[in-house]
Amino acid sequence: MSFFATVLLVNALTFPIPPDLNADTPAPIYDSPDLYGDAPSEIALDRSTIRGKLHGLGFRPITEMKFVGGRWKIKARWGGKRRALEVDPDSGLIISDRPDRG
């Protein structure tokens, strides 16, 4: 470990707790309009790239694809079975893969 990293680690471990910290107040949660937007952010992968990634994984055909709550909600078939997917718009990673119930 470098000297600089050691100094940062020791400083982080010995940094005093602020006296005005209230244990009864919950920690602030990151909240952003992007989490609730109806369109992907500017850095997100485009729709065709997401479709191409899913096709490469064997999800065919993709029957529905909409952007809701900051994620792609996708209905597709995999191995003949209907699947409901949630996909991260920035990385294209599948966050959730469940049987489609309707």
PDB file of N, CA and C in Angstrom:
ATOM      1  N   MET A   1       0.850  -1.165   0.000  1.00  0.00           N
ATOM      2  CA  MET A   1       0.000   0.000   0.000  1.00  0.00           C
ATOM      3  C   MET A   1       0.899   1.231   0.000  1.00  0.00           C
ATOM      4  N   SER A   2       0.553   2.173  -0.814  1.00  0.00           N
ATOM      5  CA  SER A   2       1.369   3.382  -0.898  1.00  0.00           C
ATOM      6  C   SER A   2       1.193   4.241   0.352  1.00  0.00           C
ATOM      7  N   PHE A   3       2.143   5.118   0.547  1.00  0.00           N
ATOM      8  CA  PHE A   3       2.092   6.018   1.697  1.00  0.00           C
ATOM      9  C   PHE A   3       0.845   6.891   1.644  1.00  0.00           C
ATOM     10  N   PHE A   4       0.526   7.387   0.458  1.00  0.00           N
ATOM     11  CA  PHE A   4      -0.642   8.259   0.293  1.00  0.00           C
ATOM     12  C   PHE A   4      -1.927   7.513   0.658  1.00  0.00           C
ATOM     13  N   ALA A   5      -2.052   6.271   0.203  1.00  0.00           N
ATOM     14  CA  ALA A   5      -3.243   5.479   0.511  1.00  0.00           C
ATOM     15  C   ALA A   5      -3.326   5.200   2.009  1.00  0.00           C
ATOM     16  N   THR A   6      -2.194   4.970   2.641  1.00  0.00           N
ATOM     17  CA  THR A   6      -2.176   4.724   4.083  1.00  0.00           C
ATOM     18  C   THR A   6      -2.641   5.957   4.850  1.00  0.00           C
ATOM     19  N   VAL A   7      -2.168   7.134   4.430  1.00  0.00           N
ATOM     20  CA  VAL A   7      -2.573   8.374   5.088  1.00  0.00           C
ATOM     21  C   VAL A   7      -4.081   8.584   4.938  1.00  0.00           C
ATOM     22  N   LEU A   8      -4.618   8.341   3.743  1.00  0.00           N
ATOM     23  CA  LEU A   8      -6.060   8.504   3.528  1.00  0.00           C
ATOM     24  C   LEU A   8      -6.865   7.533   4.383  1.00  0.00           C
ATOM     25  N   LEU A   9      -6.407   6.298   4.475  1.00  0.00           N
ATOM     26  CA  LEU A   9      -7.108   5.288   5.262  1.00  0.00           C
ATOM     27  C   LEU A   9      -7.094   5.649   6.747  1.00  0.00           C
ATOM     28  N   VAL A  10      -5.937   6.031   7.261  1.00  0.00           N
ATOM     29  CA  VAL A  10      -5.834   6.408   8.673  1.00  0.00           C
ATOM     30  C   VAL A  10      -6.699   7.627   8.959  1.00  0.00           C
ATOM     31  N   ASN A  11      -6.699   8.604   8.050  1.00  0.00           N
ATOM     32  CA  ASN A  11      -7.514   9.798   8.232  1.00  0.00           C
ATOM     33  C   ASN A  11      -8.998   9.433   8.258  1.00  0.00           C
ATOM     34  N   ALA A  12      -9.419   8.533   7.375  1.00  0.00           N
ATOM     35  CA  ALA A  12     -10.820   8.135   7.329  1.00  0.00           C
ATOM     36  C   ALA A  12     -11.224   7.403   8.603  1.00  0.00           C
ATOM     37  N   LEU A  13     -10.321   6.605   9.151  1.00  0.00           N
ATOM     38  CA  LEU A  13     -10.641   5.846  10.356  1.00  0.00           C
ATOM     39  C   LEU A  13     -10.630   6.705  11.612  1.00  0.00           C
ATOM     40  N   THR A  14      -9.869   7.785  11.609  1.00  0.00           N
ATOM     41  CA  THR A  14      -9.750   8.616  12.803  1.00  0.00           C
ATOM     42  C   THR A  14     -10.502   9.929  12.683  1.00  0.00           C
ATOM     43  N   PHE A  15     -11.245  10.121  11.604  1.00  0.00           N
ATOM     44  CA  PHE A  15     -11.992  11.359  11.412  1.00  0.00           C
ATOM     45  C   PHE A  15     -13.072  11.449  12.487  1.00  0.00           C
ATOM     46  N   PRO A  16     -13.156  12.542  13.224  1.00  0.00           N
ATOM     47  CA  PRO A  16     -14.125  12.624  14.330  1.00  0.00           C
ATOM     48  C   PRO A  16     -15.564  12.706  13.822  1.00  0.00           C
ATOM     49  N   ILE A  17     -16.473  12.199  14.614  1.00  0.00           N
ATOM     50  CA  ILE A  17     -17.894  12.274  14.302  1.00  0.00           C
ATOM     51  C   ILE A  17     -18.366  13.690  14.614  1.00  0.00           C
ATOM     52  N   PRO A  18     -19.064  14.330  13.702  1.00  0.00           N
ATOM     53  CA  PRO A  18     -19.520  15.702  13.952  1.00  0.00           C
ATOM     54  C   PRO A  18     -20.428  15.754  15.175  1.00  0.00           C
ATOM     55  N   PRO A  19     -20.280  16.785  16.017  1.00  0.00           N
ATOM     56  CA  PRO A  19     -21.087  16.862  17.237  1.00  0.00           C
ATOM     57  C   PRO A  19     -22.569  17.101  16.976  1.00  0.00           C
ATOM     58  N   ASP A  20     -22.922  17.673  15.828  1.00  0.00           N
ATOM     59  CA  ASP A  20     -24.326  17.962  15.553  1.00  0.00           C
ATOM     60  C   ASP A  20     -25.039  16.813  14.829  1.00  0.00           C
ATOM     61  N   LEU A  21     -24.409  15.660  14.746  1.00  0.00           N
ATOM     62  CA  LEU A  21     -25.005  14.514  14.068  1.00  0.00           C
ATOM     63  C   LEU A  21     -26.155  13.968  14.908  1.00  0.00           C
ATOM     64  N   ASN A  22     -27.310  13.832  14.300  1.00  0.00           N
ATOM     65  CA  ASN A  22     -28.489  13.329  15.001  1.00  0.00           C
ATOM     66  C   ASN A  22     -28.755  11.904  14.543  1.00  0.00           C
ATOM     67  N   ALA A  23     -28.686  10.967  15.459  1.00  0.00           N
ATOM     68  CA  ALA A  23     -28.871   9.554  15.121  1.00  0.00           C
ATOM     69  C   ALA A  23     -30.312   9.239  14.747  1.00  0.00           C
ATOM     70  N   ASP A  24     -31.249  10.099  15.137  1.00  0.00           N
ATOM     71  CA  ASP A  24     -32.661   9.855  14.837  1.00  0.00           C
ATOM     72  C   ASP A  24     -33.060  10.314  13.442  1.00  0.00           C
ATOM     73  N   THR A  25     -32.215  11.086  12.794  1.00  0.00           N
ATOM     74  CA  THR A  25     -32.502  11.581  11.452  1.00  0.00           C
ATOM     75  C   THR A  25     -31.944  10.599  10.430  1.00  0.00           C
ATOM     76  N   PRO A  26     -32.776  10.116   9.509  1.00  0.00           N
ATOM     77  CA  PRO A  26     -32.257   9.173   8.511  1.00  0.00           C
ATOM     78  C   PRO A  26     -31.250   9.843   7.578  1.00  0.00           C
ATOM     79  N   ALA A  27     -30.360   9.038   7.066  1.00  0.00           N
ATOM     80  CA  ALA A  27     -29.364   9.544   6.124  1.00  0.00           C
ATOM     81  C   ALA A  27     -30.046   9.982   4.837  1.00  0.00           C
ATOM     82  N   PRO A  28     -29.557  11.037   4.207  1.00  0.00           N
ATOM     83  CA  PRO A  28     -30.169  11.464   2.943  1.00  0.00           C
ATOM     84  C   PRO A  28     -29.956  10.397   1.860  1.00  0.00           C
ATOM     85  N   ILE A  29     -30.967  10.187   1.078  1.00  0.00           N
ATOM     86  CA  ILE A  29     -30.900   9.210  -0.010  1.00  0.00           C
ATOM     87  C   ILE A  29     -30.781   9.974  -1.317  1.00  0.00           C
ATOM     88  N   TYR A  30     -29.896   9.497  -2.185  1.00  0.00           N
ATOM     89  CA  TYR A  30     -29.731  10.136  -3.484  1.00  0.00           C
ATOM     90  C   TYR A  30     -31.045  10.052  -4.241  1.00  0.00           C
ATOM     91  N   ASP A  31     -31.495  11.176  -4.700  1.00  0.00           N
ATOM     92  CA  ASP A  31     -32.733  11.229  -5.462  1.00  0.00           C
ATOM     93  C   ASP A  31     -32.484  12.094  -6.679  1.00  0.00           C
ATOM     94  N   SER A  32     -32.893  11.608  -7.816  1.00  0.00           N
ATOM     95  CA  SER A  32     -32.624  12.306  -9.056  1.00  0.00           C
ATOM     96  C   SER A  32     -33.822  12.189  -9.986  1.00  0.00           C
ATOM     97  N   PRO A  33     -34.066  13.203 -10.798  1.00  0.00           N
ATOM     98  CA  PRO A  33     -35.147  13.092 -11.780  1.00  0.00           C
ATOM     99  C   PRO A  33     -34.921  11.945 -12.759  1.00  0.00           C
ATOM    100  N   ASP A  34     -33.647  11.565 -12.981  1.00  0.00           N
ATOM    101  CA  ASP A  34     -33.364  10.465 -13.904  1.00  0.00           C
ATOM    102  C   ASP A  34     -33.974   9.147 -13.430  1.00  0.00           C
ATOM    103  N   LEU A  35     -34.134   9.004 -12.104  1.00  0.00           N
ATOM    104  CA  LEU A  35     -34.686   7.764 -11.575  1.00  0.00           C
ATOM    105  C   LEU A  35     -36.149   7.597 -11.932  1.00  0.00           C
ATOM    106  N   TYR A  36     -36.822   8.698 -12.229  1.00  0.00           N
ATOM    107  CA  TYR A  36     -38.247   8.642 -12.506  1.00  0.00           C
ATOM    108  C   TYR A  36     -38.582   9.128 -13.905  1.00  0.00           C
ATOM    109  N   GLY A  37     -37.576   9.386 -14.701  1.00  0.00           N
ATOM    110  CA  GLY A  37     -37.786   9.938 -16.023  1.00  0.00           C
ATOM    111  C   GLY A  37     -38.470   8.972 -16.970  1.00  0.00           C
ATOM    112  N   ASP A  38     -39.056   9.540 -17.998  1.00  0.00           N
ATOM    113  CA  ASP A  38     -39.717   8.710 -18.998  1.00  0.00           C
ATOM    114  C   ASP A  38     -38.857   8.546 -20.241  1.00  0.00           C
ATOM    115  N   ALA A  39     -37.585   8.942 -20.140  1.00  0.00           N
ATOM    116  CA  ALA A  39     -36.639   8.777 -21.242  1.00  0.00           C
ATOM    117  C   ALA A  39     -35.257   8.484 -20.656  1.00  0.00           C
ATOM    118  N   PRO A  40     -34.464   7.671 -21.345  1.00  0.00           N
ATOM    119  CA  PRO A  40     -33.111   7.379 -20.856  1.00  0.00           C
ATOM    120  C   PRO A  40     -32.246   8.641 -20.811  1.00  0.00           C
ATOM    121  N   SER A  41     -31.241   8.630 -19.963  1.00  0.00           N
ATOM    122  CA  SER A  41     -30.334   9.769 -19.854  1.00  0.00           C
ATOM    123  C   SER A  41     -29.467   9.875 -21.111  1.00  0.00           C
ATOM    124  N   GLU A  42     -28.711  10.936 -21.188  1.00  0.00           N
ATOM    125  CA  GLU A  42     -27.866  11.164 -22.359  1.00  0.00           C
ATOM    126  C   GLU A  42     -26.734  10.154 -22.470  1.00  0.00           C
ATOM    127  N   ILE A  43     -26.314   9.573 -21.358  1.00  0.00           N
ATOM    128  CA  ILE A  43     -25.207   8.607 -21.397  1.00  0.00           C
ATOM    129  C   ILE A  43     -25.683   7.169 -21.565  1.00  0.00           C
ATOM    130  N   ALA A  44     -26.999   6.959 -21.612  1.00  0.00           N
ATOM    131  CA  ALA A  44     -27.549   5.609 -21.721  1.00  0.00           C
ATOM    132  C   ALA A  44     -27.315   5.036 -23.116  1.00  0.00           C
ATOM    133  N   LEU A  45     -27.280   3.706 -23.162  1.00  0.00           N
ATOM    134  CA  LEU A  45     -27.206   3.008 -24.446  1.00  0.00           C
ATOM    135  C   LEU A  45     -28.516   3.215 -25.201  1.00  0.00           C
ATOM    136  N   ASP A  46     -28.445   3.250 -26.519  1.00  0.00           N
ATOM    137  CA  ASP A  46     -29.682   3.451 -27.270  1.00  0.00           C
ATOM    138  C   ASP A  46     -30.476   2.140 -27.362  1.00  0.00           C
ATOM    139  N   ARG A  47     -31.718   2.283 -27.752  1.00  0.00           N
ATOM    140  CA  ARG A  47     -32.661   1.158 -27.795  1.00  0.00           C
ATOM    141  C   ARG A  47     -32.138   0.002 -28.650  1.00  0.00           C
ATOM    142  N   SER A  48     -31.558   0.306 -29.801  1.00  0.00           N
ATOM    143  CA  SER A  48     -31.089  -0.762 -30.690  1.00  0.00           C
ATOM    144  C   SER A  48     -29.913  -1.532 -30.090  1.00  0.00           C
ATOM    145  N   THR A  49     -29.062  -0.861 -29.321  1.00  0.00           N
ATOM    146  CA  THR A  49     -27.945  -1.544 -28.667  1.00  0.00           C
ATOM    147  C   THR A  49     -28.457  -2.512 -27.605  1.00  0.00           C
ATOM    148  N   ILE A  50     -29.446  -2.081 -26.834  1.00  0.00           N
ATOM    149  CA  ILE A  50     -30.045  -2.955 -25.824  1.00  0.00           C
ATOM    150  C   ILE A  50     -30.674  -4.170 -26.495  1.00  0.00           C
ATOM    151  N   ARG A  51     -31.412  -3.935 -27.582  1.00  0.00           N
ATOM    152  CA  ARG A  51     -32.039  -5.050 -28.318  1.00  0.00           C
ATOM    153  C   ARG A  51     -30.980  -6.017 -28.844  1.00  0.00           C
ATOM    154  N   GLY A  52     -29.896  -5.478 -29.387  1.00  0.00           N
ATOM    155  CA  GLY A  52     -28.828  -6.323 -29.910  1.00  0.00           C
ATOM    156  C   GLY A  52     -28.190  -7.181 -28.835  1.00  0.00           C
ATOM    157  N   LYS A  53     -27.971  -6.600 -27.643  1.00  0.00           N
ATOM    158  CA  LYS A  53     -27.397  -7.372 -26.533  1.00  0.00           C
ATOM    159  C   LYS A  53     -28.331  -8.510 -26.132  1.00  0.00           C
ATOM    160  N   LEU A  54     -29.619  -8.209 -26.059  1.00  0.00           N
ATOM    161  CA  LEU A  54     -30.575  -9.245 -25.669  1.00  0.00           C
ATOM    162  C   LEU A  54     -30.693 -10.328 -26.737  1.00  0.00           C
ATOM    163  N   HIS A  55     -30.672  -9.937 -27.990  1.00  0.00           N
ATOM    164  CA  HIS A  55     -30.697 -10.936 -29.068  1.00  0.00           C
ATOM    165  C   HIS A  55     -29.474 -11.837 -28.981  1.00  0.00           C
ATOM    166  N   GLY A  56     -28.317 -11.256 -28.658  1.00  0.00           N
ATOM    167  CA  GLY A  56     -27.098 -12.035 -28.506  1.00  0.00           C
ATOM    168  C   GLY A  56     -27.170 -13.039 -27.372  1.00  0.00           C
ATOM    169  N   LEU A  57     -28.004 -12.755 -26.375  1.00  0.00           N
ATOM    170  CA  LEU A  57     -28.187 -13.674 -25.247  1.00  0.00           C
ATOM    171  C   LEU A  57     -29.285 -14.698 -25.508  1.00  0.00           C
ATOM    172  N   GLY A  58     -29.955 -14.591 -26.654  1.00  0.00           N
ATOM    173  CA  GLY A  58     -30.978 -15.572 -27.010  1.00  0.00           C
ATOM    174  C   GLY A  58     -32.404 -15.142 -26.737  1.00  0.00           C
ATOM    175  N   PHE A  59     -32.634 -13.898 -26.381  1.00  0.00           N
ATOM    176  CA  PHE A  59     -33.990 -13.407 -26.154  1.00  0.00           C
ATOM    177  C   PHE A  59     -34.575 -12.995 -27.497  1.00  0.00           C
ATOM    178  N   ARG A  60     -35.462 -13.865 -28.042  1.00  0.00           N
ATOM    179  CA  ARG A  60     -36.089 -13.617 -29.341  1.00  0.00           C
ATOM    180  C   ARG A  60     -37.480 -14.211 -29.343  1.00  0.00           C
ATOM    181  N   PRO A  61     -38.447 -13.508 -29.824  1.00  0.00           N
ATOM    182  CA  PRO A  61     -38.465 -12.105 -30.212  1.00  0.00           C
ATOM    183  C   PRO A  61     -38.690 -11.216 -28.995  1.00  0.00           C
ATOM    184  N   ILE A  62     -38.355  -9.973 -29.141  1.00  0.00           N
ATOM    185  CA  ILE A  62     -38.663  -8.971 -28.129  1.00  0.00           C
ATOM    186  C   ILE A  62     -40.011  -8.380 -28.515  1.00  0.00           C
ATOM    187  N   THR A  63     -41.009  -8.587 -27.664  1.00  0.00           N
ATOM    188  CA  THR A  63     -42.371  -8.196 -28.012  1.00  0.00           C
ATOM    189  C   THR A  63     -42.773  -6.832 -27.479  1.00  0.00           C
ATOM    190  N   GLU A  64     -42.111  -6.371 -26.416  1.00  0.00           N
ATOM    191  CA  GLU A  64     -42.452  -5.064 -25.849  1.00  0.00           C
ATOM    192  C   GLU A  64     -41.207  -4.477 -25.208  1.00  0.00           C
ATOM    193  N   MET A  65     -41.031  -3.174 -25.385  1.00  0.00           N
ATOM    194  CA  MET A  65     -39.860  -2.505 -24.823  1.00  0.00           C
ATOM    195  C   MET A  65     -40.244  -1.074 -24.499  1.00  0.00           C
ATOM    196  N   LYS A  66     -40.289  -0.758 -23.175  1.00  0.00           N
ATOM    197  CA  LYS A  66     -40.628   0.607 -22.778  1.00  0.00           C
ATOM    198  C   LYS A  66     -39.726   1.038 -21.622  1.00  0.00           C
ATOM    199  N   PHE A  67     -39.540   2.341 -21.508  1.00  0.00           N
ATOM    200  CA  PHE A  67     -38.675   2.902 -20.482  1.00  0.00           C
ATOM    201  C   PHE A  67     -39.549   3.452 -19.366  1.00  0.00           C
ATOM    202  N   VAL A  68     -39.432   2.844 -18.181  1.00  0.00           N
ATOM    203  CA  VAL A  68     -40.259   3.226 -17.044  1.00  0.00           C
ATOM    204  C   VAL A  68     -39.398   3.241 -15.782  1.00  0.00           C
ATOM    205  N   GLY A  69     -39.500   4.310 -15.011  1.00  0.00           N
ATOM    206  CA  GLY A  69     -38.817   4.365 -13.724  1.00  0.00           C
ATOM    207  C   GLY A  69     -37.308   4.242 -13.795  1.00  0.00           C
ATOM    208  N   GLY A  70     -36.717   4.726 -14.871  1.00  0.00           N
ATOM    209  CA  GLY A  70     -35.268   4.705 -14.980  1.00  0.00           C
ATOM    210  C   GLY A  70     -34.693   3.405 -15.501  1.00  0.00           C
ATOM    211  N   ARG A  71     -35.543   2.473 -15.930  1.00  0.00           N
ATOM    212  CA  ARG A  71     -35.072   1.186 -16.457  1.00  0.00           C
ATOM    213  C   ARG A  71     -35.875   0.794 -17.690  1.00  0.00           C
ATOM    214  N   TRP A  72     -35.265  -0.038 -18.513  1.00  0.00           N
ATOM    215  CA  TRP A  72     -35.990  -0.622 -19.636  1.00  0.00           C
ATOM    216  C   TRP A  72     -36.809  -1.793 -19.109  1.00  0.00           C
ATOM    217  N   LYS A  73     -38.110  -1.790 -19.371  1.00  0.00           N
ATOM    218  CA  LYS A  73     -39.003  -2.907 -19.058  1.00  0.00           C
ATOM    219  C   LYS A  73     -39.249  -3.616 -20.385  1.00  0.00           C
ATOM    220  N   ILE A  74     -38.851  -4.870 -20.451  1.00  0.00           N
ATOM    221  CA  ILE A  74     -38.856  -5.588 -21.724  1.00  0.00           C
ATOM    222  C   ILE A  74     -39.565  -6.919 -21.558  1.00  0.00           C
ATOM    223  N   LYS A  75     -40.389  -7.249 -22.550  1.00  0.00           N
ATOM    224  CA  LYS A  75     -41.014  -8.563 -22.610  1.00  0.00           C
ATOM    225  C   LYS A  75     -40.451  -9.264 -23.827  1.00  0.00           C
ATOM    226  N   ALA A  76     -39.994 -10.491 -23.604  1.00  0.00           N
ATOM    227  CA  ALA A  76     -39.354 -11.243 -24.686  1.00  0.00           C
ATOM    228  C   ALA A  76     -39.549 -12.730 -24.437  1.00  0.00           C
ATOM    229  N   ARG A  77     -39.104 -13.501 -25.388  1.00  0.00           N
ATOM    230  CA  ARG A  77     -39.121 -14.967 -25.235  1.00  0.00           C
ATOM    231  C   ARG A  77     -37.696 -15.474 -25.184  1.00  0.00           C
ATOM    232  N   TRP A  78     -37.490 -16.470 -24.323  1.00  0.00           N
ATOM    233  CA  TRP A  78     -36.186 -17.129 -24.234  1.00  0.00           C
ATOM    234  C   TRP A  78     -36.462 -18.618 -24.099  1.00  0.00           C
ATOM    235  N   GLY A  79     -35.973 -19.386 -25.045  1.00  0.00           N
ATOM    236  CA  GLY A  79     -36.224 -20.825 -25.029  1.00  0.00           C
ATOM    237  C   GLY A  79     -37.697 -21.162 -25.132  1.00  0.00           C
ATOM    238  N   GLY A  80     -38.462 -20.330 -25.838  1.00  0.00           N
ATOM    239  CA  GLY A  80     -39.888 -20.564 -26.010  1.00  0.00           C
ATOM    240  C   GLY A  80     -40.745 -20.089 -24.849  1.00  0.00           C
ATOM    241  N   LYS A  81     -40.128 -19.603 -23.780  1.00  0.00           N
ATOM    242  CA  LYS A  81     -40.885 -19.148 -22.611  1.00  0.00           C
ATOM    243  C   LYS A  81     -40.897 -17.628 -22.546  1.00  0.00           C
ATOM    244  N   ARG A  82     -42.049 -17.075 -22.123  1.00  0.00           N
ATOM    245  CA  ARG A  82     -42.183 -15.625 -22.010  1.00  0.00           C
ATOM    246  C   ARG A  82     -41.452 -15.134 -20.769  1.00  0.00           C
ATOM    247  N   ARG A  83     -40.675 -14.065 -20.948  1.00  0.00           N
ATOM    248  CA  ARG A  83     -39.879 -13.498 -19.853  1.00  0.00           C
ATOM    249  C   ARG A  83     -40.171 -12.010 -19.726  1.00  0.00           C
ATOM    250  N   ALA A  84     -40.128 -11.499 -18.497  1.00  0.00           N
ATOM    251  CA  ALA A  84     -40.242 -10.068 -18.215  1.00  0.00           C
ATOM    252  C   ALA A  84     -38.886  -9.622 -17.671  1.00  0.00           C
ATOM    253  N   LEU A  85     -38.248  -8.710 -18.369  1.00  0.00           N
ATOM    254  CA  LEU A  85     -36.901  -8.273 -18.013  1.00  0.00           C
ATOM    255  C   LEU A  85     -36.898  -6.817 -17.576  1.00  0.00           C
ATOM    256  N   GLU A  86     -35.952  -6.484 -16.710  1.00  0.00           N
ATOM    257  CA  GLU A  86     -35.611  -5.098 -16.410  1.00  0.00           C
ATOM    258  C   GLU A  86     -34.142  -4.954 -16.729  1.00  0.00           C
ATOM    259  N   VAL A  87     -33.808  -3.938 -17.526  1.00  0.00           N
ATOM    260  CA  VAL A  87     -32.444  -3.769 -18.009  1.00  0.00           C
ATOM    261  C   VAL A  87     -31.939  -2.376 -17.648  1.00  0.00           C
ATOM    262  N   ASP A  88     -30.704  -2.325 -17.159  1.00  0.00           N
ATOM    263  CA  ASP A  88     -30.059  -1.052 -16.837  1.00  0.00           C
ATOM    264  C   ASP A  88     -29.774  -0.307 -18.139  1.00  0.00           C
ATOM    265  N   PRO A  89     -30.223   0.936 -18.275  1.00  0.00           N
ATOM    266  CA  PRO A  89     -30.050   1.651 -19.537  1.00  0.00           C
ATOM    267  C   PRO A  89     -28.611   2.082 -19.809  1.00  0.00           C
ATOM    268  N   ASP A  90     -27.795   2.218 -18.773  1.00  0.00           N
ATOM    269  CA  ASP A  90     -26.426   2.686 -18.966  1.00  0.00           C
ATOM    270  C   ASP A  90     -25.462   1.561 -19.334  1.00  0.00           C
ATOM    271  N   SER A  91     -25.661   0.380 -18.758  1.00  0.00           N
ATOM    272  CA  SER A  91     -24.725  -0.720 -18.995  1.00  0.00           C
ATOM    273  C   SER A  91     -25.302  -1.821 -19.875  1.00  0.00           C
ATOM    274  N   GLY A  92     -26.621  -1.907 -19.949  1.00  0.00           N
ATOM    275  CA  GLY A  92     -27.249  -2.983 -20.700  1.00  0.00           C
ATOM    276  C   GLY A  92     -27.337  -4.281 -19.917  1.00  0.00           C
ATOM    277  N   LEU A  93     -26.987  -4.248 -18.629  1.00  0.00           N
ATOM    278  CA  LEU A  93     -27.052  -5.453 -17.799  1.00  0.00           C
ATOM    279  C   LEU A  93     -28.492  -5.750 -17.405  1.00  0.00           C
ATOM    280  N   ILE A  94     -28.827  -7.031 -17.374  1.00  0.00           N
ATOM    281  CA  ILE A  94     -30.159  -7.449 -16.956  1.00  0.00           C
ATOM    282  C   ILE A  94     -30.216  -7.396 -15.435  1.00  0.00           C
ATOM    283  N   ILE A  95     -31.117  -6.584 -14.921  1.00  0.00           N
ATOM    284  CA  ILE A  95     -31.280  -6.432 -13.480  1.00  0.00           C
ATOM    285  C   ILE A  95     -32.250  -7.473 -12.949  1.00  0.00           C
ATOM    286  N   SER A  96     -33.275  -7.763 -13.728  1.00  0.00           N
ATOM    287  CA  SER A  96     -34.295  -8.717 -13.311  1.00  0.00           C
ATOM    288  C   SER A  96     -34.749  -9.533 -14.517  1.00  0.00           C
ATOM    289  N   ASP A  97     -34.901 -10.833 -14.312  1.00  0.00           N
ATOM    290  CA  ASP A  97     -35.385 -11.738 -15.359  1.00  0.00           C
ATOM    291  C   ASP A  97     -36.384 -12.683 -14.688  1.00  0.00           C
ATOM    292  N   ARG A  98     -37.671 -12.472 -14.993  1.00  0.00           N
ATOM    293  CA  ARG A  98     -38.728 -13.246 -14.367  1.00  0.00           C
ATOM    294  C   ARG A  98     -39.677 -13.803 -15.426  1.00  0.00           C
ATOM    295  N   PRO A  99     -40.426 -14.842 -15.074  1.00  0.00           N
ATOM    296  CA  PRO A  99     -41.454 -15.300 -16.006  1.00  0.00           C
ATOM    297  C   PRO A  99     -42.488 -14.198 -16.222  1.00  0.00           C
ATOM    298  N   ASP A 100     -42.939 -14.033 -17.443  1.00  0.00           N
ATOM    299  CA  ASP A 100     -43.947 -13.024 -17.752  1.00  0.00           C
ATOM    300  C   ASP A 100     -45.310 -13.623 -17.445  1.00  0.00           C
ATOM    301  N   ARG A 101     -46.075 -12.942 -16.611  1.00  0.00           N
ATOM    302  CA  ARG A 101     -47.356 -13.469 -16.163  1.00  0.00           C
ATOM    303  C   ARG A 101     -48.537 -12.900 -16.953  1.00  0.00           C
ATOM    304  N   GLY A 102     -48.249 -12.046 -17.905  1.00  0.00           N
ATOM    305  CA  GLY A 102     -49.412 -11.514 -18.594  1.00  0.00           C
ATOM    306  C   GLY A 102     -49.116 -10.695 -19.721  1.00  0.00           C
TER     307      GLY A 102
END
